[in-house]
């Protein structure tokens, strides 16, 4: 049985949302808020932080109306348009399609948190001793970053393919 393109898109988006939401349910239930639990020493730690802003808390100090527009309404419109675009555009390569699905899934998961919980639960933190350090993030953020990476890869691969065919 071959999965239709639209079913593949929906399943991948739902998978991204489900994995993120399951991880957040576990963190909210098992990890004390504002605690720090070492997973791999101090290099990889688990937290339970509620983020009322966007990436790294940006926008958390905006007035409520502006926060509603920038962190809820605008993302819903953009995610809806991207979903429409990938369903209608049958010429997308597999990497771009999966990348867009990851971005939509991660975006929807975080928007869902903002609607239901009024904040986004973040819990992963990486600190490789000054060489590499992240803010506190979640599975949805990882999904969005993976999606962006796949889109970049696809763009470079397609550009290289075009140059070699000329």
C-alpha atoms as a PDB file:
ATOM      1  CA  UNK A   1       0.000   0.000   0.000  1.00  0.00           C
ATOM      2  CA  UNK A   2       1.492   3.295  -1.111  1.00  0.00           C
ATOM      3  CA  UNK A   3       0.867   6.294   1.120  1.00  0.00           C
ATOM      4  CA  UNK A   4      -0.522   9.320  -0.711  1.00  0.00           C
ATOM      5  CA  UNK A   5       1.537  12.509  -0.672  1.00  0.00           C
ATOM      6  CA  UNK A   6      -1.099  14.375   1.364  1.00  0.00           C
ATOM      7  CA  UNK A   7      -1.355  11.518   3.890  1.00  0.00           C
ATOM      8  CA  UNK A   8       2.457  11.541   4.209  1.00  0.00           C
ATOM      9  CA  UNK A   9       2.384  15.295   4.902  1.00  0.00           C
ATOM     10  CA  UNK A  10      -0.370  14.993   7.511  1.00  0.00           C
ATOM     11  CA  UNK A  11       1.245  11.996   9.237  1.00  0.00           C
ATOM     12  CA  UNK A  12       4.650  13.673   9.450  1.00  0.00           C
ATOM     13  CA  UNK A  13       3.169  16.870  10.871  1.00  0.00           C
ATOM     14  CA  UNK A  14       1.036  14.934  13.388  1.00  0.00           C
ATOM     15  CA  UNK A  15       4.077  12.826  14.367  1.00  0.00           C
ATOM     16  CA  UNK A  16       6.092  15.999  15.090  1.00  0.00           C
ATOM     17  CA  UNK A  17       3.273  17.465  17.183  1.00  0.00           C
ATOM     18  CA  UNK A  18       2.706  14.197  19.078  1.00  0.00           C
ATOM     19  CA  UNK A  19       6.356  13.628  19.990  1.00  0.00           C
ATOM     20  CA  UNK A  20       6.647  17.220  21.215  1.00  0.00           C
ATOM     21  CA  UNK A  21       3.427  17.151  23.236  1.00  0.00           C
ATOM     22  CA  UNK A  22       4.213  13.759  24.812  1.00  0.00           C
ATOM     23  CA  UNK A  23       7.651  15.002  25.876  1.00  0.00           C
ATOM     24  CA  UNK A  24       6.128  18.154  27.402  1.00  0.00           C
ATOM     25  CA  UNK A  25       3.484  16.163  29.295  1.00  0.00           C
ATOM     26  CA  UNK A  26       6.252  13.998  30.785  1.00  0.00           C
ATOM     27  CA  UNK A  27       8.388  17.017  31.709  1.00  0.00           C
ATOM     28  CA  UNK A  28       5.461  18.868  33.313  1.00  0.00           C
ATOM     29  CA  UNK A  29       4.560  15.737  35.330  1.00  0.00           C
ATOM     30  CA  UNK A  30       8.031  14.526  36.333  1.00  0.00           C
ATOM     31  CA  UNK A  31      10.417  17.500  36.424  1.00  0.00           C
ATOM     32  CA  UNK A  32      10.181  20.122  39.148  1.00  0.00           C
ATOM     33  CA  UNK A  33       9.702  23.613  37.659  1.00  0.00           C
ATOM     34  CA  UNK A  34      12.936  25.643  37.429  1.00  0.00           C
ATOM     35  CA  UNK A  35      15.036  22.654  38.480  1.00  0.00           C
ATOM     36  CA  UNK A  36      18.150  21.385  36.718  1.00  0.00           C
ATOM     37  CA  UNK A  37      18.671  17.638  36.301  1.00  0.00           C
ATOM     38  CA  UNK A  38      21.982  16.437  34.843  1.00  0.00           C
ATOM     39  CA  UNK A  39      21.580  13.873  32.063  1.00  0.00           C
ATOM     40  CA  UNK A  40      25.203  13.790  30.880  1.00  0.00           C
ATOM     41  CA  UNK A  41      27.059  15.704  33.594  1.00  0.00           C
ATOM     42  CA  UNK A  42      26.682  19.452  33.165  1.00  0.00           C
ATOM     43  CA  UNK A  43      26.904  19.062  29.385  1.00  0.00           C
ATOM     44  CA  UNK A  44      23.300  17.998  28.813  1.00  0.00           C
ATOM     45  CA  UNK A  45      20.705  18.951  31.425  1.00  0.00           C
ATOM     46  CA  UNK A  46      16.953  18.698  31.781  1.00  0.00           C
ATOM     47  CA  UNK A  47      14.879  21.632  33.037  1.00  0.00           C
ATOM     48  CA  UNK A  48      11.223  22.614  33.292  1.00  0.00           C
ATOM     49  CA  UNK A  49      10.839  26.233  32.228  1.00  0.00           C
ATOM     50  CA  UNK A  50       7.728  27.996  30.953  1.00  0.00           C
ATOM     51  CA  UNK A  51       8.608  30.436  28.175  1.00  0.00           C
ATOM     52  CA  UNK A  52       6.020  33.151  27.501  1.00  0.00           C
ATOM     53  CA  UNK A  53       8.058  34.515  24.600  1.00  0.00           C
ATOM     54  CA  UNK A  54       9.544  33.044  21.468  1.00  0.00           C
ATOM     55  CA  UNK A  55      13.101  31.795  20.841  1.00  0.00           C
ATOM     56  CA  UNK A  56      15.178  32.287  24.024  1.00  0.00           C
ATOM     57  CA  UNK A  57      12.309  34.206  25.625  1.00  0.00           C
ATOM     58  CA  UNK A  58      12.363  37.015  23.066  1.00  0.00           C
ATOM     59  CA  UNK A  59       9.081  38.892  23.128  1.00  0.00           C
ATOM     60  CA  UNK A  60       8.104  37.795  26.636  1.00  0.00           C
ATOM     61  CA  UNK A  61       8.125  41.422  27.773  1.00  0.00           C
ATOM     62  CA  UNK A  62       5.840  42.659  24.957  1.00  0.00           C
ATOM     63  CA  UNK A  63       2.411  43.975  25.852  1.00  0.00           C
ATOM     64  CA  UNK A  64      -0.277  41.258  25.674  1.00  0.00           C
ATOM     65  CA  UNK A  65      -1.873  42.524  22.434  1.00  0.00           C
ATOM     66  CA  UNK A  66       1.425  42.627  20.551  1.00  0.00           C
ATOM     67  CA  UNK A  67       2.409  39.229  21.959  1.00  0.00           C
ATOM     68  CA  UNK A  68      -0.950  37.820  20.764  1.00  0.00           C
ATOM     69  CA  UNK A  69      -0.357  39.171  17.257  1.00  0.00           C
ATOM     70  CA  UNK A  70       3.339  38.246  16.917  1.00  0.00           C
ATOM     71  CA  UNK A  71       3.427  34.938  18.792  1.00  0.00           C
ATOM     72  CA  UNK A  72      -0.014  33.513  18.047  1.00  0.00           C
ATOM     73  CA  UNK A  73      -1.920  35.048  15.141  1.00  0.00           C
ATOM     74  CA  UNK A  74       1.009  35.647  12.766  1.00  0.00           C
ATOM     75  CA  UNK A  75       2.454  32.125  13.249  1.00  0.00           C
ATOM     76  CA  UNK A  76      -0.987  30.576  12.644  1.00  0.00           C
ATOM     77  CA  UNK A  77      -1.346  32.501   9.362  1.00  0.00           C
ATOM     78  CA  UNK A  78       2.208  31.660   8.233  1.00  0.00           C
ATOM     79  CA  UNK A  79       1.912  27.970   9.171  1.00  0.00           C
ATOM     80  CA  UNK A  80      -1.423  27.766   7.379  1.00  0.00           C
ATOM     81  CA  UNK A  81       0.079  29.301   4.249  1.00  0.00           C
ATOM     82  CA  UNK A  82       3.099  26.963   4.323  1.00  0.00           C
ATOM     83  CA  UNK A  83       0.782  23.955   4.687  1.00  0.00           C
ATOM     84  CA  UNK A  84      -1.283  25.173   1.725  1.00  0.00           C
ATOM     85  CA  UNK A  85       1.935  25.730  -0.261  1.00  0.00           C
ATOM     86  CA  UNK A  86       3.361  22.249   0.305  1.00  0.00           C
ATOM     87  CA  UNK A  87       0.074  20.531  -0.453  1.00  0.00           C
ATOM     88  CA  UNK A  88      -0.395  22.467  -3.714  1.00  0.00           C
ATOM     89  CA  UNK A  89       3.258  22.496  -4.861  1.00  0.00           C
ATOM     90  CA  UNK A  90       3.833  18.982  -6.209  1.00  0.00           C
ATOM     91  CA  UNK A  91       7.351  19.826  -7.451  1.00  0.00           C
ATOM     92  CA  UNK A  92       8.997  19.987  -4.014  1.00  0.00           C
ATOM     93  CA  UNK A  93      11.814  17.508  -3.519  1.00  0.00           C
ATOM     94  CA  UNK A  94      11.649  15.063  -0.588  1.00  0.00           C
ATOM     95  CA  UNK A  95      14.081  17.029   1.634  1.00  0.00           C
ATOM     96  CA  UNK A  96      12.103  20.252   1.223  1.00  0.00           C
ATOM     97  CA  UNK A  97       8.804  18.491   1.844  1.00  0.00           C
ATOM     98  CA  UNK A  98      10.045  16.829   5.035  1.00  0.00           C
ATOM     99  CA  UNK A  99      11.700  20.095   6.111  1.00  0.00           C
ATOM    100  CA  UNK A 100       8.480  22.062   5.709  1.00  0.00           C
ATOM    101  CA  UNK A 101       6.525  19.335   7.565  1.00  0.00           C
ATOM    102  CA  UNK A 102       8.977  19.516  10.484  1.00  0.00           C
ATOM    103  CA  UNK A 103       8.667  23.311  10.593  1.00  0.00           C
ATOM    104  CA  UNK A 104       4.871  23.154  10.516  1.00  0.00           C
ATOM    105  CA  UNK A 105       4.723  20.382  13.147  1.00  0.00           C
ATOM    106  CA  UNK A 106       7.074  22.188  15.517  1.00  0.00           C
ATOM    107  CA  UNK A 107       5.343  25.506  14.953  1.00  0.00           C
ATOM    108  CA  UNK A 108       1.873  24.075  15.545  1.00  0.00           C
ATOM    109  CA  UNK A 109       3.061  22.307  18.726  1.00  0.00           C
ATOM    110  CA  UNK A 110       4.405  25.558  20.194  1.00  0.00           C
ATOM    111  CA  UNK A 111       1.316  27.541  19.102  1.00  0.00           C
ATOM    112  CA  UNK A 112      -0.842  24.880  20.771  1.00  0.00           C
ATOM    113  CA  UNK A 113       1.122  25.386  24.018  1.00  0.00           C
ATOM    114  CA  UNK A 114       0.635  29.153  23.817  1.00  0.00           C
ATOM    115  CA  UNK A 115      -3.123  28.689  23.388  1.00  0.00           C
ATOM    116  CA  UNK A 116      -3.640  25.982  26.030  1.00  0.00           C
ATOM    117  CA  UNK A 117      -0.927  26.770  28.615  1.00  0.00           C
ATOM    118  CA  UNK A 118      -0.270  30.471  27.858  1.00  0.00           C
ATOM    119  CA  UNK A 119       3.445  29.575  27.547  1.00  0.00           C
ATOM    120  CA  UNK A 120       5.745  27.033  25.920  1.00  0.00           C
ATOM    121  CA  UNK A 121       7.443  24.373  28.041  1.00  0.00           C
ATOM    122  CA  UNK A 122      11.205  24.218  27.369  1.00  0.00           C
ATOM    123  CA  UNK A 123      13.434  21.593  28.958  1.00  0.00           C
ATOM    124  CA  UNK A 124      16.655  20.670  27.120  1.00  0.00           C
ATOM    125  CA  UNK A 125      19.925  22.536  27.652  1.00  0.00           C
ATOM    126  CA  UNK A 126      23.350  21.818  26.164  1.00  0.00           C
ATOM    127  CA  UNK A 127      26.559  23.393  27.464  1.00  0.00           C
ATOM    128  CA  UNK A 128      29.810  21.989  26.086  1.00  0.00           C
ATOM    129  CA  UNK A 129      32.019  24.069  28.350  1.00  0.00           C
ATOM    130  CA  UNK A 130      32.136  27.310  26.402  1.00  0.00           C
ATOM    131  CA  UNK A 131      32.623  25.640  23.006  1.00  0.00           C
ATOM    132  CA  UNK A 132      28.888  25.341  22.341  1.00  0.00           C
ATOM    133  CA  UNK A 133      25.996  26.439  24.510  1.00  0.00           C
ATOM    134  CA  UNK A 134      22.266  26.607  23.814  1.00  0.00           C
ATOM    135  CA  UNK A 135      19.324  28.249  25.470  1.00  0.00           C
ATOM    136  CA  UNK A 136      16.701  25.959  26.959  1.00  0.00           C
ATOM    137  CA  UNK A 137      14.650  24.400  24.150  1.00  0.00           C
ATOM    138  CA  UNK A 138      12.140  21.636  23.393  1.00  0.00           C
ATOM    139  CA  UNK A 139      11.350  18.972  20.775  1.00  0.00           C
ATOM    140  CA  UNK A 140       9.275  21.418  18.695  1.00  0.00           C
ATOM    141  CA  UNK A 141      12.284  23.766  18.511  1.00  0.00           C
ATOM    142  CA  UNK A 142      14.465  20.844  17.413  1.00  0.00           C
ATOM    143  CA  UNK A 143      11.889  19.950  14.763  1.00  0.00           C
ATOM    144  CA  UNK A 144      11.873  23.503  13.402  1.00  0.00           C
ATOM    145  CA  UNK A 145      15.687  23.591  13.330  1.00  0.00           C
ATOM    146  CA  UNK A 146      15.845  20.195  11.603  1.00  0.00           C
ATOM    147  CA  UNK A 147      13.325  21.468   9.059  1.00  0.00           C
ATOM    148  CA  UNK A 148      15.413  24.585   8.418  1.00  0.00           C
ATOM    149  CA  UNK A 149      18.507  22.420   8.011  1.00  0.00           C
ATOM    150  CA  UNK A 150      16.729  20.194   5.481  1.00  0.00           C
ATOM    151  CA  UNK A 151      15.546  23.243   3.525  1.00  0.00           C
ATOM    152  CA  UNK A 152      19.099  24.641   3.456  1.00  0.00           C
ATOM    153  CA  UNK A 153      20.511  21.283   2.379  1.00  0.00           C
ATOM    154  CA  UNK A 154      17.888  20.972  -0.351  1.00  0.00           C
ATOM    155  CA  UNK A 155      18.576  24.489  -1.571  1.00  0.00           C
ATOM    156  CA  UNK A 156      22.329  23.868  -1.834  1.00  0.00           C
ATOM    157  CA  UNK A 157      21.842  20.434  -3.413  1.00  0.00           C
ATOM    158  CA  UNK A 158      19.421  21.817  -6.004  1.00  0.00           C
ATOM    159  CA  UNK A 159      21.726  24.765  -6.778  1.00  0.00           C
ATOM    160  CA  UNK A 160      24.648  22.385  -7.274  1.00  0.00           C
ATOM    161  CA  UNK A 161      22.500  20.116  -9.463  1.00  0.00           C
ATOM    162  CA  UNK A 162      21.477  23.096 -11.623  1.00  0.00           C
ATOM    163  CA  UNK A 163      25.098  24.209 -12.062  1.00  0.00           C
ATOM    164  CA  UNK A 164      26.288  20.767 -13.120  1.00  0.00           C
ATOM    165  CA  UNK A 165      23.435  20.380 -15.630  1.00  0.00           C
ATOM    166  CA  UNK A 166      24.326  23.674 -17.399  1.00  0.00           C
END
